[in-house]
Amino acid sequence: MTRLPSLPTLAAALGSLAVAGGALTSYAANVEPQWPEVVRVELPLARLPQGLDGLTIAQISDMHAGHFVGPAKVRRYVEMV
């Protein structure tokens, strides 16, 4: 028969999970949004129509827009590209 963990053990495990979740949320909300990075990659395509030569495509990801990152910061990220 499997023995269930004691109440103090269970409480300690749940408390640890809560602290870890809070730390990750704080990191995602306060640290990561302060490190925007622009990486430029040139992708040569042999059969690209001449009219599209020099076209820039941008991908903006993982910026946590909404609750943690407001419109002003999103605008700043878009202007960086």
Protein backbone atom coordinates (compact mmCIF):
# COMPACT_ATOMS: atom_id res chain seq x y z
CA MET A 1 0.00 0.00 0.00
CA THR A 2 1.29 3.48 -0.90
CA ARG A 3 1.69 5.89 1.99
CA LEU A 4 0.45 9.45 1.47
CA PRO A 5 2.79 12.35 2.35
CA SER A 6 2.29 13.98 5.72
CA LEU A 7 0.50 17.31 5.96
CA PRO A 8 3.69 19.29 6.76
CA THR A 9 5.47 17.70 3.78
CA LEU A 10 2.55 18.48 1.50
CA ALA A 11 2.33 22.06 2.80
CA ALA A 12 6.08 22.57 2.26
CA ALA A 13 5.84 21.25 -1.31
CA LEU A 14 2.87 23.48 -2.13
CA GLY A 15 4.59 26.48 -0.56
CA SER A 16 7.70 25.83 -2.65
CA LEU A 17 5.59 25.64 -5.81
CA ALA A 18 3.88 28.93 -4.93
CA VAL A 19 7.22 30.67 -4.34
CA ALA A 20 8.66 29.30 -7.61
CA GLY A 21 5.55 30.40 -9.52
CA GLY A 22 5.75 33.87 -8.01
CA ALA A 23 9.44 34.15 -8.87
CA LEU A 24 8.83 33.11 -12.49
CA THR A 25 5.95 35.55 -12.84
CA SER A 26 8.05 38.36 -11.41
CA TYR A 27 10.92 37.54 -13.79
CA ALA A 28 8.57 37.46 -16.79
CA ALA A 29 6.94 40.75 -15.79
CA ASN A 30 9.93 42.78 -14.62
CA VAL A 31 13.16 41.41 -16.08
CA GLU A 32 12.57 39.95 -19.53
CA PRO A 33 10.66 42.94 -20.94
CA GLN A 34 13.72 45.12 -20.20
CA TRP A 35 15.92 43.10 -22.60
CA PRO A 36 14.53 43.65 -26.09
CA GLU A 37 16.85 42.30 -28.76
CA VAL A 38 16.84 42.87 -32.51
CA VAL A 39 18.46 40.12 -34.56
CA ARG A 40 18.81 40.79 -38.27
CA VAL A 41 19.08 37.84 -40.60
CA GLU A 42 19.63 38.14 -44.34
CA LEU A 43 18.01 35.30 -46.20
CA PRO A 44 19.13 35.01 -49.83
CA LEU A 45 16.45 33.42 -52.02
CA ALA A 46 17.50 32.53 -55.55
CA ARG A 47 14.00 32.73 -57.06
CA LEU A 48 12.75 35.79 -55.20
CA PRO A 49 10.96 38.19 -57.56
CA GLN A 50 12.99 41.36 -58.10
CA GLY A 51 10.14 43.51 -56.79
CA LEU A 52 10.54 41.90 -53.38
CA ASP A 53 14.31 42.38 -53.16
CA GLY A 54 15.09 44.31 -49.97
CA LEU A 55 11.75 43.49 -48.33
CA THR A 56 11.92 43.41 -44.54
CA ILE A 57 9.83 40.98 -42.53
CA ALA A 58 9.74 41.39 -38.76
CA GLN A 59 8.75 38.96 -36.04
CA ILE A 60 8.16 40.28 -32.54
CA SER A 61 7.68 37.58 -29.95
CA ASP A 62 7.74 36.79 -26.25
CA MET A 63 7.12 40.35 -25.11
CA HIS A 64 4.33 39.56 -22.65
CA ALA A 65 2.09 42.30 -24.08
CA GLY A 66 -1.07 43.08 -22.20
CA HIS A 67 -1.11 42.89 -18.44
CA PHE A 68 2.66 43.31 -17.91
CA VAL A 69 3.72 45.33 -20.96
CA GLY A 70 1.62 48.33 -21.95
CA PRO A 71 1.04 49.97 -25.33
CA ALA A 72 3.93 52.45 -24.95
CA LYS A 73 6.46 49.66 -24.50
CA VAL A 74 4.98 47.66 -27.40
CA ARG A 75 5.27 50.80 -29.57
CA ARG A 76 8.93 51.11 -28.52
CA TYR A 77 9.61 47.51 -29.53
CA VAL A 78 7.96 48.03 -32.93
CA GLU A 79 10.02 51.18 -33.52
CA MET A 80 13.21 49.21 -32.79
CA VAL A 81 12.53 47.06 -35.84
